[in-house]
Protein backbone atom coordinates (compact mmCIF):
# COMPACT_ATOMS: atom_id res chain seq x y z
CA UNK A 1 166.46 -32.07 104.22
CA UNK A 2 167.49 -32.65 108.13
CA UNK A 3 170.69 -32.36 108.99
CA UNK A 4 172.33 -34.72 111.66
CA UNK A 5 173.11 -33.35 114.96
CA UNK A 6 176.19 -33.50 116.92
CA UNK A 7 174.32 -33.05 120.38
CA UNK A 8 171.36 -34.50 122.67
CA UNK A 9 168.15 -32.20 122.09
CA UNK A 10 168.42 -29.37 124.16
CA UNK A 11 165.10 -28.32 125.48
CA UNK A 12 163.87 -26.03 128.61
CA UNK A 13 160.41 -26.82 129.21
CA UNK A 14 158.26 -24.48 131.49
CA UNK A 15 158.51 -25.33 135.31
CA UNK A 16 155.72 -25.26 137.71
CA UNK A 17 154.86 -27.33 141.01
CA UNK A 18 151.19 -28.97 140.31
CA UNK A 19 148.62 -27.00 142.45
CA UNK A 20 145.25 -26.24 141.65
CA UNK A 21 145.26 -22.78 143.12
CA UNK A 22 148.72 -21.50 141.34
CA UNK A 23 149.01 -19.56 138.15
CA UNK A 24 151.36 -21.25 135.94
CA UNK A 25 153.63 -18.71 134.25
CA UNK A 26 156.31 -20.14 131.31
CA UNK A 27 159.95 -19.64 131.64
CA UNK A 28 161.31 -17.00 129.96
CA UNK A 29 165.03 -16.73 128.43
CA UNK A 30 167.97 -15.49 130.38
CA UNK A 31 171.49 -14.82 128.86
CA UNK A 32 172.30 -18.76 129.19
CA UNK A 33 169.39 -19.76 127.42
CA UNK A 34 170.07 -21.15 123.81
CA UNK A 35 166.70 -22.67 123.14
CA UNK A 36 163.64 -22.44 124.92
CA UNK A 37 160.56 -24.76 123.88
CA UNK A 38 157.52 -24.70 125.56
CA UNK A 39 155.58 -26.91 123.75
CA UNK A 40 152.09 -25.04 124.32
CA UNK A 41 151.91 -23.73 120.97
CA UNK A 42 149.36 -25.33 118.16
CA UNK A 43 150.33 -26.59 114.70
CA UNK A 44 153.24 -28.51 113.32
CA UNK A 45 156.11 -26.05 114.24
CA UNK A 46 157.55 -26.06 117.72
CA UNK A 47 158.35 -22.39 118.55
CA UNK A 48 161.67 -21.56 120.24
CA UNK A 49 160.85 -18.30 122.62
CA UNK A 50 164.87 -18.29 122.90
CA UNK A 51 166.77 -15.63 121.85
CA UNK A 52 167.93 -17.62 118.45
CA UNK A 53 164.17 -18.25 117.09
CA UNK A 54 165.52 -21.51 116.29
CA UNK A 55 161.96 -23.22 115.96
CA UNK A 56 161.56 -26.96 116.22
CA UNK A 57 160.23 -29.82 114.15
CA UNK A 58 158.89 -33.37 115.22
CA UNK A 59 160.62 -36.03 113.51
CA UNK A 60 160.68 -39.81 113.80
CA UNK A 61 162.46 -42.86 113.17
CA UNK A 62 165.98 -43.28 112.32
CA UNK A 63 165.80 -41.21 109.11
CA UNK A 64 164.62 -38.43 111.15
CA UNK A 65 161.43 -38.04 108.88
CA UNK A 66 159.47 -35.02 109.24
CA UNK A 67 156.13 -35.54 111.25
CA UNK A 68 153.22 -33.34 110.08
CA UNK A 69 150.39 -34.18 112.16
CA UNK A 70 151.79 -33.37 115.46
CA UNK A 71 149.65 -34.58 118.35
CA UNK A 72 148.56 -31.90 120.96
CA UNK A 73 146.95 -32.76 124.02
CA UNK A 74 145.47 -30.91 126.97
CA UNK A 75 148.41 -29.95 129.10
CA UNK A 76 148.46 -28.20 132.54
CA UNK A 77 148.85 -24.73 130.82
CA UNK A 78 147.39 -24.91 127.33
CA UNK A 79 148.37 -27.23 125.13
CA UNK A 80 151.03 -29.72 125.28
CA UNK A 81 152.97 -31.76 122.80
CA UNK A 82 152.47 -35.73 122.87
CA UNK A 83 155.16 -37.58 121.30
CA UNK A 84 154.86 -41.12 119.68
CA UNK A 85 157.53 -43.73 120.70
CA UNK A 86 160.26 -43.04 117.95
CA UNK A 87 159.80 -39.22 118.11
CA UNK A 88 161.58 -36.44 118.61
CA UNK A 89 162.20 -32.99 118.63
CA UNK A 90 164.75 -31.17 117.11
CA UNK A 91 165.87 -27.86 115.69
CA UNK A 92 165.12 -27.27 112.14
CA UNK A 93 169.14 -25.93 111.61
CA UNK A 94 172.28 -26.69 113.82
CA UNK A 95 172.79 -23.13 114.91
CA UNK A 96 176.46 -21.82 115.36
CA UNK A 97 176.11 -21.33 119.00
CA UNK A 98 176.05 -25.45 119.23
CA UNK A 99 178.91 -26.45 117.13
CA UNK A 100 181.99 -27.73 119.16
CA UNK A 101 180.00 -27.49 122.36
CA UNK A 102 181.75 -30.07 124.88
CA UNK A 103 178.92 -29.51 127.84
CA UNK A 104 175.33 -28.19 128.19
CA UNK A 105 172.33 -28.48 130.66
CA UNK A 106 169.01 -29.44 129.52
CA UNK A 107 166.18 -28.29 131.66
CA UNK A 108 163.00 -30.05 131.48
CA UNK A 109 159.68 -30.83 133.65
């Protein structure tokens, strides 16, 4: 069962400028990182490269039903995740580090 979260999706994507000659390298976690999803892995699970290892899942609709047929497409560097209109990525569980947070920063590309 998926728990209801009291926070917006906390997601960090790899950031890179689009340039044919550039080598793309994924971001690495630093001391401020809680979750780090690159979305370039394969399969159903969204791997968390951050320090907590809180792998994510794709859910759909108001009931947040788990999506088992996650759509992967070709990305700028490796695979990319393609979400449907009513789909979202959530950590599989709510980490203690996120409970009671009043502010947070979300980075994405």
